Amino acid sequence: MNLYPRRPLFNRKPQSNIYRMFLWIIMILALVWMLQQMNKGEIQPLFLATPTPTRSAESHALEGDANFTSGKLDAAILSYEEAVRVDPNDSESWAKLARIQTYSSAFLITNEQKKERLLTALESARKAVELAPDDSTSHAILAFALDWNADPDIYKDDLNQVQKFLVEAEQEANIALQKDNSNTLALAYYAEVLLDQDKWGQAEENIDLALQHPDADQLMDVHRINAYLLETLGQYNLAITEYEKAIEIEPNFTFLYRRAGANYRVLAYDMQLRQGEDAARPIFEKSLEYFDEAAKINERIGVKDSGPYLSIARTYSQLGEYFAAARNVQKALEFDPTNPDIYGQLGIVFFRSRNYEGARDTLKCATYGCSGEDSCKGRGLDKCYTDPGLAPENRENPVDIQPLGLSPNTVVYYYTYGSVLAALSRPRDNRCGQAMQVLGDVRSELDANPDAYADGYQTILSIVQAGEEICASLAEDGTPVSTVPGEAGDVMTEMTATPTP
């Protein structure tokens, strides 16, 4: 009889399996390796969002070039700012950014805005030179940025700074030519620096050399600077021809249209004085065509620039068509409703059209600031229109207007405002307290800075005195000596031409 061992019914004696153990070891090692690779970023976890590809600096730079060619300078600046953010060591992008920032200052209205933009451009140009000290073009663009910073209107209280900028600009232009004496841009920018130093002969020599280079016909800057030279020499017809060549290269650069239009306006004004308005009108209309084209280009490319409308307004003012002038300044205010300088220009147009009440409200915003309903009155409205049912473009909301400082560029707004307050004062509506404050501020400015006003000092002083006499007569017997601004002194009307934007 054979007896077999009993089979365990509930427990089985564990047995080792060498193959199973080897498999577990392999799996553990594989898991450790995967964790290490994930920590290094070599392997991405499942179900992560697809990463967005990072744009290259070159891509942003190409976009910036396209925006510049399209006339969208603010968009071009943003594109190049992205380019230097992605690749902060690319000197070429820094130099191109500086050039665009410098040109964009021509589209700004106030000196404060221009100063801020030009100083930013200067920083960009210095960065380009720092990264590429042997690059001729970087030095040339630094000279360009320095030259445009040397604006006497911006640094009217510090003309030494203007000279410092010009001296450094000339040095940088010379360095650019030492690095490459065939650099067309360097020759052109050097000519512009020399021109701003009143070295007209040397400027002409350098721009002529630039024009002889084969690439000159592809460079807007060369024709622009040659036009500027001709304009300075009083050769306005030739200047217009050069601006037109620059426009052919950059057809969406509206600054060029405005310069060409301004030259036509100078020609028209000269003819108006010599031969009368009828002879001058066709030339004035030619000027308006250029400004209108600039406005149309801006509308087409979506750029909200008040400059062309202010140029149109100035031209209509010279033609004596003040209603059209006022409408165009108001159009400019739609784009820039908080800009006190535009309020000042509108106030002068109202004054010259004998809308004295409108001039009073508008000049108040320009000189001492305003807010709420007063800001809407300053735009020539009877009130603010904030009805939510109106389309956004038809709403006129209250805004805060910061006052302009009193300076040679803004004094016309102040003495006109003071004179209007005085002349409109009546016993029951006496505004002479305000008028005397404004006129007193103008007196103080004249006394503090007599040299800044040159030949206009006595004329402005006579206007101030006329306003003070009106208030003095009102204080004596309650009857002002003049009921219309300007009757107390004819010189007042002569001094209220709209300042050039």
Protein backbone atom coordinates (compact mmCIF):
# COMPACT_ATOMS: atom_id res chain seq x y z
CA MET A 1 0.00 0.00 0.00
CA ASN A 2 1.40 3.31 -1.08
CA LEU A 3 0.87 6.31 1.23
CA TYR A 4 1.22 9.86 -0.19
CA PRO A 5 1.85 12.93 1.93
CA ARG A 6 -1.22 14.96 2.73
CA ARG A 7 -1.86 18.05 0.48
CA PRO A 8 -2.17 21.32 2.44
CA LEU A 9 -5.72 22.51 2.16
CA PHE A 10 -5.43 26.06 3.57
CA ASN A 11 -1.76 27.14 3.67
CA ARG A 12 0.89 26.82 1.07
CA LYS A 13 4.48 26.95 2.00
CA PRO A 14 6.03 30.03 0.32
CA GLN A 15 8.49 29.28 -2.39
CA SER A 16 11.04 31.64 -3.95
CA ASN A 17 11.00 32.29 -7.70
CA ILE A 18 14.25 33.79 -8.97
CA TYR A 19 12.72 34.95 -12.26
CA ARG A 20 9.93 36.86 -10.52
CA MET A 21 12.42 38.59 -8.22
CA PHE A 22 14.57 39.61 -11.18
CA LEU A 23 11.51 41.14 -12.91
CA TRP A 24 10.61 43.18 -9.82
CA ILE A 25 14.15 44.54 -9.60
CA ILE A 26 14.05 45.62 -13.25
CA MET A 27 10.70 47.38 -12.76
CA ILE A 28 11.94 49.23 -9.65
CA LEU A 29 15.09 50.40 -11.44
CA ALA A 30 13.02 51.57 -14.40
CA LEU A 31 10.72 53.57 -12.09
CA VAL A 32 13.69 55.23 -10.39
CA TRP A 33 15.14 56.17 -13.80
CA MET A 34 11.85 57.67 -14.99
CA LEU A 35 11.52 59.78 -11.83
CA GLN A 36 15.04 61.12 -12.36
CA GLN A 37 14.30 61.98 -15.99
CA MET A 38 11.07 63.74 -15.02
CA ASN A 39 12.95 65.84 -12.48
CA LYS A 40 15.43 66.81 -15.20
CA GLY A 41 12.61 67.71 -17.58
CA GLU A 42 13.62 65.07 -20.11
CA ILE A 43 10.29 63.27 -19.71
CA GLN A 44 7.01 65.20 -19.29
CA PRO A 45 4.15 63.80 -17.19
CA LEU A 46 1.08 62.60 -19.06
CA PHE A 47 -1.92 64.90 -19.60
CA LEU A 48 0.08 68.15 -19.39
CA ALA A 49 -1.21 71.03 -21.59
CA THR A 50 0.61 71.37 -24.89
CA PRO A 51 3.33 74.01 -24.40
CA THR A 52 3.02 77.27 -26.38
CA PRO A 53 6.04 77.78 -28.64
CA THR A 54 8.18 80.81 -27.70
CA ARG A 55 8.54 83.38 -30.49
CA SER A 56 12.06 84.25 -31.51
CA ALA A 57 13.52 87.74 -31.22
CA GLU A 58 13.86 87.81 -35.00
CA SER A 59 10.11 87.19 -35.35
CA HIS A 60 9.30 90.17 -33.12
CA ALA A 61 11.83 92.34 -35.01
CA LEU A 62 10.25 91.47 -38.36
CA GLU A 63 6.85 92.36 -36.93
CA GLY A 64 8.32 95.68 -35.74
CA ASP A 65 9.67 96.45 -39.21
CA ALA A 66 6.27 95.70 -40.73
CA ASN A 67 4.51 97.95 -38.22
CA PHE A 68 6.96 100.78 -38.90
CA THR A 69 6.41 100.48 -42.65
CA SER A 70 2.66 100.50 -42.00
CA GLY A 71 3.00 103.71 -40.00
CA LYS A 72 2.06 102.03 -36.70
CA LEU A 73 4.95 103.37 -34.65
CA ASP A 74 3.51 102.52 -31.24
CA ALA A 75 2.95 98.94 -32.36
CA ALA A 76 6.46 98.86 -33.82
CA ILE A 77 7.87 99.96 -30.48
CA LEU A 78 5.99 97.19 -28.66
CA SER A 79 7.29 94.60 -31.13
CA TYR A 80 10.90 95.67 -30.71
CA GLU A 81 10.51 95.83 -26.94
CA GLU A 82 9.48 92.18 -27.11
CA ALA A 83 12.46 91.43 -29.36
CA VAL A 84 14.96 92.85 -26.86
CA ARG A 85 13.15 91.13 -24.00
CA VAL A 86 13.59 87.75 -25.71
CA ASP A 87 17.19 88.53 -26.72
CA PRO A 88 18.53 91.41 -24.60
CA ASN A 89 21.99 91.11 -26.17
CA ASP A 90 20.88 91.87 -29.73
CA SER A 91 22.42 95.30 -30.42
CA GLU A 92 20.71 95.65 -33.80
CA SER A 93 17.25 95.37 -32.23
CA TRP A 94 18.18 97.93 -29.58
CA ALA A 95 19.39 100.33 -32.29
CA LYS A 96 16.23 99.89 -34.39
CA LEU A 97 14.08 100.37 -31.28
CA ALA A 98 15.91 103.64 -30.55
CA ARG A 99 15.34 104.90 -34.09
CA ILE A 100 11.62 104.16 -33.97
CA GLN A 101 11.23 105.68 -30.49
CA THR A 102 12.98 108.83 -31.67
CA TYR A 103 10.76 109.21 -34.72
CA SER A 104 7.63 108.50 -32.68
CA SER A 105 8.27 111.65 -30.62
CA ALA A 106 7.25 113.67 -33.69
CA PHE A 107 3.69 112.41 -33.20
CA LEU A 108 3.42 113.65 -29.61
CA ILE A 109 2.01 117.06 -28.72
CA THR A 110 3.36 118.27 -25.39
CA ASN A 111 7.00 118.83 -24.53
CA GLU A 112 6.68 116.56 -21.51
CA GLN A 113 5.53 113.66 -23.68
CA LYS A 114 8.31 114.28 -26.20
CA LYS A 115 10.96 114.54 -23.52
CA GLU A 116 9.95 111.24 -21.92
CA ARG A 117 9.90 109.40 -25.25
CA LEU A 118 13.22 110.86 -26.43
CA LEU A 119 15.00 109.99 -23.20
CA THR A 120 13.72 106.43 -23.54
CA ALA A 121 15.07 106.35 -27.10
CA LEU A 122 18.42 107.61 -25.82
CA GLU A 123 18.60 104.75 -23.30
CA SER A 124 17.92 102.23 -26.07
CA ALA A 125 20.58 103.76 -28.33
CA ARG A 126 23.18 103.72 -25.55
CA LYS A 127 22.37 100.05 -24.92
CA ALA A 128 22.98 99.28 -28.60
CA VAL A 129 26.40 100.97 -28.49
CA GLU A 130 27.26 99.20 -25.25
CA LEU A 131 26.54 95.83 -26.84
CA ALA A 132 28.26 96.62 -30.15
CA PRO A 133 30.88 99.34 -29.59
CA ASP A 134 32.46 98.74 -33.02
CA ASP A 135 29.21 98.95 -34.98
CA SER A 136 29.00 102.14 -37.07
CA THR A 137 25.21 102.14 -37.36
CA SER A 138 24.70 101.87 -33.60
CA HIS A 139 26.83 104.99 -33.08
CA ALA A 140 24.97 106.76 -35.91
CA ILE A 141 21.56 106.07 -34.33
CA LEU A 142 22.88 107.22 -30.95
CA ALA A 143 23.90 110.50 -32.67
CA PHE A 144 20.37 110.73 -34.12
CA ALA A 145 18.73 110.19 -30.71
CA LEU A 146 21.03 112.72 -29.06
CA ASP A 147 20.31 115.31 -31.75
CA TRP A 148 16.55 115.02 -31.36
CA ASN A 149 16.92 115.25 -27.59
CA ALA A 150 18.70 118.58 -28.13
CA ASP A 151 15.39 120.41 -28.51
CA PRO A 152 15.45 124.00 -27.17
CA ASP A 153 11.67 123.90 -26.68
CA ILE A 154 12.01 120.92 -24.34
CA TYR A 155 15.01 122.29 -22.43
CA LYS A 156 14.13 125.99 -22.61
CA ASP A 157 15.23 126.42 -18.98
CA ASP A 158 18.48 124.53 -19.48
CA LEU A 159 20.03 125.45 -22.82
CA ASN A 160 23.37 124.11 -21.57
CA GLN A 161 21.82 120.64 -21.72
CA VAL A 162 20.90 121.27 -25.35
CA GLN A 163 24.53 122.06 -26.14
CA LYS A 164 25.73 118.98 -24.26
CA PHE A 165 23.44 116.78 -26.32
CA LEU A 166 24.65 118.40 -29.56
CA VAL A 167 28.33 118.06 -28.66
CA GLU A 168 27.88 114.38 -27.81
CA ALA A 169 25.79 113.86 -30.96
CA GLU A 170 28.61 115.24 -33.11
CA GLN A 171 31.12 113.01 -31.32
CA GLU A 172 29.00 109.92 -31.90
CA ALA A 173 28.47 110.79 -35.56
CA ASN A 174 32.23 111.15 -36.02
CA ILE A 175 32.81 107.79 -34.31
CA ALA A 176 30.26 106.21 -36.65
CA LEU A 177 32.11 107.57 -39.68
CA GLN A 178 35.47 106.49 -38.28
CA LYS A 179 34.10 102.96 -37.98
CA ASP A 180 32.70 103.10 -41.54
CA ASN A 181 33.12 106.24 -43.64
CA SER A 182 30.77 104.82 -46.28
CA ASN A 183 27.83 104.49 -43.87
CA THR A 184 25.04 106.45 -45.56
CA LEU A 185 22.94 106.78 -42.41
CA ALA A 186 25.94 108.06 -40.46
CA LEU A 187 26.55 110.77 -43.09
CA ALA A 188 22.88 111.79 -43.05
CA TYR A 189 22.60 111.92 -39.26
CA TYR A 190 25.88 113.84 -39.06
CA ALA A 191 24.40 116.37 -41.50
CA GLU A 192 21.34 116.76 -39.26
CA VAL A 193 23.54 117.35 -36.20
CA LEU A 194 25.58 119.98 -38.09
CA LEU A 195 22.39 121.63 -39.27
CA ASP A 196 21.12 121.95 -35.70
CA GLN A 197 24.48 123.55 -34.81
CA ASP A 198 23.90 126.14 -37.58
CA LYS A 199 26.84 124.71 -39.55
CA TRP A 200 24.88 124.83 -42.77
CA GLY A 201 27.80 124.51 -45.18
CA GLN A 202 29.18 121.38 -43.52
CA ALA A 203 25.69 119.94 -43.25
CA GLU A 204 25.16 120.41 -46.97
CA GLU A 205 28.49 118.72 -47.77
CA ASN A 206 27.62 115.64 -45.71
CA ILE A 207 24.08 115.24 -47.02
CA ASP A 208 25.39 115.59 -50.57
CA LEU A 209 27.86 112.76 -49.86
CA ALA A 210 25.04 110.64 -48.45
CA LEU A 211 22.89 111.27 -51.54
CA GLN A 212 25.70 110.01 -53.79
CA HIS A 213 25.65 106.56 -52.20
CA PRO A 214 23.74 103.88 -54.13
CA ASP A 215 21.53 102.98 -51.15
CA ALA A 216 20.40 106.59 -50.55
CA ASP A 217 17.28 106.14 -52.68
CA GLN A 218 16.11 103.38 -50.33
CA LEU A 219 16.62 105.37 -47.12
CA MET A 220 13.82 107.66 -46.01
CA ASP A 221 16.12 109.34 -43.49
CA VAL A 222 18.42 110.72 -46.18
CA HIS A 223 15.64 112.48 -48.10
CA ARG A 224 13.98 113.67 -44.89
CA ILE A 225 17.19 115.29 -43.66
CA ASN A 226 17.89 116.83 -47.07
CA ALA A 227 14.34 118.24 -47.01
CA TYR A 228 15.00 119.62 -43.52
CA LEU A 229 18.17 121.34 -44.79
CA LEU A 230 16.35 122.87 -47.76
CA GLU A 231 13.49 123.95 -45.49
CA THR A 232 15.97 125.65 -43.14
CA LEU A 233 17.54 127.47 -46.10
CA GLY A 234 14.09 128.71 -47.15
CA GLN A 235 13.97 126.57 -50.30
CA TYR A 236 10.48 125.33 -49.61
CA ASN A 237 9.64 124.02 -53.09
CA LEU A 238 12.79 121.86 -53.16
CA ALA A 239 12.09 120.73 -49.60
CA ILE A 240 8.62 119.56 -50.65
CA THR A 241 10.20 117.55 -53.50
CA GLU A 242 12.51 115.80 -51.04
CA TYR A 243 9.67 115.09 -48.61
CA GLU A 244 7.77 113.52 -51.51
CA LYS A 245 10.75 111.23 -52.20
CA ALA A 246 10.78 110.23 -48.55
CA ILE A 247 7.03 109.54 -48.77
CA GLU A 248 7.61 107.23 -51.73
CA ILE A 249 9.89 105.14 -49.51
CA GLU A 250 7.66 105.21 -46.42
CA PRO A 251 4.15 105.98 -47.75
CA ASN A 252 2.46 105.42 -44.37
CA PHE A 253 4.78 107.65 -42.35
CA THR A 254 2.36 110.53 -41.73
CA PHE A 255 4.99 112.79 -40.16
CA LEU A 256 6.38 113.32 -43.69
CA TYR A 257 2.98 114.39 -45.03
CA ARG A 258 2.65 116.91 -42.24
CA ARG A 259 6.09 118.38 -42.97
CA ALA A 260 5.32 118.66 -46.69
CA GLY A 261 1.98 120.28 -45.87
CA ALA A 262 3.66 122.72 -43.49
CA ASN A 263 6.03 123.80 -46.27
CA TYR A 264 3.11 124.40 -48.60
CA ARG A 265 1.47 126.46 -45.85
CA VAL A 266 4.57 128.65 -45.51
CA LEU A 267 4.54 129.26 -49.27
CA ALA A 268 0.82 130.04 -49.13
CA TYR A 269 1.18 132.46 -46.24
CA ASP A 270 3.98 134.31 -48.04
CA MET A 271 1.84 134.61 -51.15
CA GLN A 272 -1.13 135.70 -49.05
CA LEU A 273 0.90 138.63 -47.73
CA ARG A 274 2.20 139.60 -51.16
CA GLN A 275 -0.72 138.91 -53.50
CA GLY A 276 -3.77 138.40 -51.34
CA GLU A 277 -5.88 135.47 -50.20
CA ASP A 278 -7.34 134.57 -53.60
CA ALA A 279 -3.87 133.95 -55.05
CA ALA A 280 -2.78 131.99 -51.98
CA ARG A 281 -5.86 129.79 -51.62
CA PRO A 282 -4.81 127.05 -54.12
CA ILE A 283 -1.53 126.62 -52.22
CA PHE A 284 -3.34 126.55 -48.87
CA GLU A 285 -5.60 123.85 -50.34
CA LYS A 286 -2.54 121.88 -51.43
CA SER A 287 -1.32 122.08 -47.83
CA LEU A 288 -4.69 120.79 -46.63
CA GLU A 289 -4.48 117.85 -49.07
CA TYR A 290 -1.29 116.60 -47.40
CA PHE A 291 -2.72 116.99 -43.89
CA ASP A 292 -5.95 115.29 -44.96
CA GLU A 293 -3.99 112.39 -46.46
CA ALA A 294 -2.14 111.96 -43.17
CA ALA A 295 -5.48 111.82 -41.33
CA LYS A 296 -6.86 109.27 -43.81
CA ILE A 297 -3.80 107.05 -43.47
CA ASN A 298 -4.12 107.10 -39.69
CA GLU A 299 -7.80 106.21 -39.93
CA ARG A 300 -7.04 103.35 -42.32
CA ILE A 301 -4.33 101.80 -40.17
CA GLY A 302 -6.12 102.47 -36.88
CA VAL A 303 -3.70 105.07 -35.48
CA LYS A 304 -5.32 107.72 -33.27
CA ASP A 305 -3.09 110.71 -33.91
CA SER A 306 -4.34 114.23 -33.26
CA GLY A 307 -1.47 115.86 -35.19
CA PRO A 308 -2.99 116.02 -38.70
CA TYR A 309 -6.19 117.60 -37.37
CA LEU A 310 -4.24 120.26 -35.52
CA SER A 311 -2.30 121.02 -38.71
CA ILE A 312 -5.57 121.29 -40.65
CA ALA A 313 -6.94 123.61 -37.95
CA ARG A 314 -3.90 125.87 -38.14
CA THR A 315 -4.24 126.13 -41.91
CA TYR A 316 -7.94 127.02 -41.70
CA SER A 317 -7.09 129.62 -39.04
CA GLN A 318 -4.65 131.29 -41.43
CA LEU A 319 -7.46 131.36 -44.01
CA GLY A 320 -9.77 132.96 -41.43
CA GLU A 321 -12.14 129.96 -41.50
CA TYR A 322 -12.43 129.56 -37.76
CA PHE A 323 -15.48 127.30 -37.67
CA ALA A 324 -13.65 124.66 -39.72
CA ALA A 325 -10.56 125.22 -37.59
CA ALA A 326 -12.52 124.69 -34.37
CA ARG A 327 -14.13 121.49 -35.67
CA ASN A 328 -10.72 120.01 -36.43
CA VAL A 329 -9.28 120.90 -33.03
CA GLN A 330 -12.33 119.30 -31.43
CA LYS A 331 -11.67 116.21 -33.56
CA ALA A 332 -8.13 116.16 -32.17
CA LEU A 333 -9.58 116.32 -28.65
CA GLU A 334 -11.60 113.16 -29.36
CA PHE A 335 -8.29 111.31 -29.65
CA ASP A 336 -6.60 113.04 -26.74
CA PRO A 337 -9.30 114.49 -24.42
CA THR A 338 -6.96 115.11 -21.47
CA ASN A 339 -4.27 117.05 -23.35
CA PRO A 340 -4.28 120.63 -22.01
CA ASP A 341 -2.28 121.99 -24.95
CA ILE A 342 -5.04 121.04 -27.39
CA TYR A 343 -7.56 122.86 -25.17
CA GLY A 344 -5.27 125.87 -25.42
CA GLN A 345 -5.24 125.70 -29.21
CA LEU A 346 -9.03 125.40 -29.28
CA GLY A 347 -9.29 128.40 -26.97
CA ILE A 348 -7.22 130.53 -29.34
CA VAL A 349 -9.40 129.49 -32.29
CA PHE A 350 -12.54 130.40 -30.31
CA PHE A 351 -10.99 133.74 -29.39
CA ARG A 352 -10.08 134.60 -32.96
CA SER A 353 -13.61 133.67 -34.09
CA ARG A 354 -14.96 136.04 -31.39
CA ASN A 355 -16.50 133.20 -29.40
CA TYR A 356 -15.23 134.76 -26.17
CA GLU A 357 -17.35 132.73 -23.76
CA GLY A 358 -16.13 129.51 -25.40
CA ALA A 359 -12.56 130.78 -25.28
CA ARG A 360 -12.92 131.52 -21.55
CA ASP A 361 -14.11 128.01 -20.69
CA THR A 362 -11.54 126.30 -22.89
CA LEU A 363 -8.55 128.40 -21.85
CA LYS A 364 -9.41 127.81 -18.20
CA CYS A 365 -8.84 124.06 -18.77
CA ALA A 366 -5.56 124.72 -20.58
CA THR A 367 -4.04 127.10 -18.06
CA TYR A 368 -5.25 126.11 -14.61
CA GLY A 369 -6.89 122.77 -15.28
CA CYS A 370 -10.50 121.63 -14.93
CA SER A 371 -12.65 118.58 -14.35
CA GLY A 372 -16.24 117.36 -14.45
CA GLU A 373 -18.71 119.42 -16.45
CA ASP A 374 -16.08 122.13 -16.95
CA SER A 375 -13.97 119.73 -19.03
CA CYS A 376 -16.90 119.19 -21.41
CA LYS A 377 -17.50 122.93 -21.65
CA GLY A 378 -13.81 123.24 -22.41
CA ARG A 379 -14.39 121.02 -25.45
CA GLY A 380 -17.02 123.48 -26.70
CA LEU A 381 -20.04 121.50 -25.44
CA ASP A 382 -22.94 122.73 -23.35
CA LYS A 383 -22.61 119.74 -21.00
CA CYS A 384 -21.25 116.19 -20.69
CA TYR A 385 -23.21 113.48 -22.51
CA THR A 386 -22.86 110.23 -20.57
CA ASP A 387 -26.13 108.48 -21.45
CA PRO A 388 -25.38 104.71 -21.59
CA GLY A 389 -27.78 104.50 -24.53
CA LEU A 390 -25.42 106.56 -26.68
CA ALA A 391 -22.85 104.83 -28.82
CA PRO A 392 -19.37 105.02 -27.21
CA GLU A 393 -18.08 107.32 -29.98
CA ASN A 394 -20.91 109.78 -29.27
CA ARG A 395 -20.40 110.01 -25.52
CA GLU A 396 -18.64 113.00 -24.00
CA ASN A 397 -17.50 112.02 -20.54
CA PRO A 398 -16.07 114.31 -17.87
CA VAL A 399 -12.30 114.06 -17.53
CA ASP A 400 -9.58 115.63 -15.42
CA ILE A 401 -7.41 118.18 -17.25
CA GLN A 402 -4.06 118.93 -15.66
CA PRO A 403 -2.88 122.55 -15.98
CA LEU A 404 -0.13 123.58 -18.37
CA GLY A 405 2.85 125.28 -16.81
CA LEU A 406 3.42 128.91 -17.73
CA SER A 407 6.27 129.12 -20.25
CA PRO A 408 7.17 130.85 -23.53
CA ASN A 409 5.28 128.07 -25.34
CA THR A 410 2.08 128.51 -23.32
CA VAL A 411 2.08 132.19 -22.37
CA VAL A 412 -0.32 132.98 -25.24
CA TYR A 413 -2.97 130.84 -23.54
CA TYR A 414 -2.50 132.66 -20.24
CA TYR A 415 -2.58 136.26 -21.39
CA THR A 416 -5.50 135.55 -23.73
CA TYR A 417 -7.41 133.90 -20.87
CA GLY A 418 -6.70 136.81 -18.54
CA SER A 419 -7.72 139.36 -21.18
CA VAL A 420 -10.98 137.54 -21.94
CA LEU A 421 -11.87 137.35 -18.25
CA ALA A 422 -11.25 141.07 -17.88
CA ALA A 423 -13.13 142.14 -21.00
CA LEU A 424 -16.20 139.98 -20.25
CA SER A 425 -16.49 141.24 -16.66
CA ARG A 426 -19.58 143.23 -15.68
CA PRO A 427 -20.72 144.63 -12.33
CA ARG A 428 -23.04 141.65 -11.86
CA ASP A 429 -20.57 139.16 -13.34
CA ASN A 430 -17.22 140.47 -12.22
CA ARG A 431 -14.39 138.09 -13.02
CA CYS A 432 -11.64 140.60 -12.50
CA GLY A 433 -10.41 138.78 -9.43
CA GLN A 434 -9.55 135.81 -11.62
CA ALA A 435 -8.34 138.04 -14.43
CA MET A 436 -5.91 139.93 -12.20
CA GLN A 437 -4.53 136.65 -10.84
CA VAL A 438 -3.88 135.34 -14.37
CA LEU A 439 -2.40 138.60 -15.62
CA GLY A 440 -0.31 138.83 -12.47
CA ASP A 441 1.08 135.36 -13.16
CA VAL A 442 2.04 136.48 -16.66
CA ARG A 443 3.76 139.59 -15.25
CA SER A 444 5.72 137.46 -12.80
CA GLU A 445 6.81 135.12 -15.60
CA LEU A 446 7.98 138.06 -17.74
CA ASP A 447 9.92 139.54 -14.83
CA ALA A 448 11.52 136.21 -13.95
CA ASN A 449 12.53 135.25 -17.50
CA PRO A 450 12.75 138.39 -19.68
CA ASP A 451 15.34 136.90 -22.03
CA ALA A 452 13.09 133.94 -22.84
CA TYR A 453 10.53 136.24 -24.47
CA ALA A 454 12.95 138.28 -26.60
CA ASP A 455 11.10 140.63 -28.97
CA GLY A 456 7.66 139.65 -27.67
CA TYR A 457 8.26 141.00 -24.15
CA GLN A 458 6.84 144.49 -24.71
CA THR A 459 3.91 143.25 -26.76
CA ILE A 460 2.85 140.75 -24.09
CA LEU A 461 3.32 143.37 -21.37
CA SER A 462 1.06 145.81 -23.24
CA ILE A 463 -1.65 143.14 -23.44
CA VAL A 464 -1.38 142.53 -19.69
CA GLN A 465 -1.62 146.26 -19.02
CA ALA A 466 -4.71 146.56 -21.23
CA GLY A 467 -6.48 143.85 -19.22
CA GLU A 468 -5.46 145.49 -15.94
CA GLU A 469 -6.83 148.83 -17.14
CA ILE A 470 -10.19 147.24 -17.93
CA CYS A 471 -10.45 145.85 -14.39
CA ALA A 472 -9.26 149.14 -12.89
CA SER A 473 -12.04 151.03 -14.71
CA LEU A 474 -14.60 148.47 -13.57
CA ALA A 475 -13.47 148.92 -9.99
CA GLU A 476 -13.78 152.71 -10.24
CA ASP A 477 -17.22 153.19 -11.75
CA GLY A 478 -18.51 149.74 -12.65
CA THR A 479 -18.15 150.26 -16.40
CA PRO A 480 -15.34 148.49 -18.26
CA VAL A 481 -13.49 150.60 -20.83
CA SER A 482 -13.87 147.81 -23.41
CA THR A 483 -16.55 145.24 -23.99
CA VAL A 484 -14.67 143.23 -26.62
CA PRO A 485 -11.31 141.56 -25.99
CA GLY A 486 -8.68 143.21 -28.13
CA GLU A 487 -10.21 146.71 -28.27
CA ALA A 488 -8.06 147.80 -25.38
CA GLY A 489 -5.00 147.11 -27.50
CA ASP A 490 -4.80 146.04 -31.12
CA VAL A 491 -1.55 144.20 -30.42
CA MET A 492 -3.54 141.52 -28.62
CA THR A 493 -5.04 140.19 -31.81
CA GLU A 494 -1.62 140.05 -33.43
CA MET A 495 -0.23 137.85 -30.65
CA THR A 496 -2.94 135.20 -30.61
CA ALA A 497 -1.91 133.09 -33.58
CA THR A 498 -2.20 129.42 -32.73
CA PRO A 499 1.21 128.03 -31.71
CA THR A 500 2.63 125.43 -34.06
CA PRO A 501 1.75 121.88 -32.87
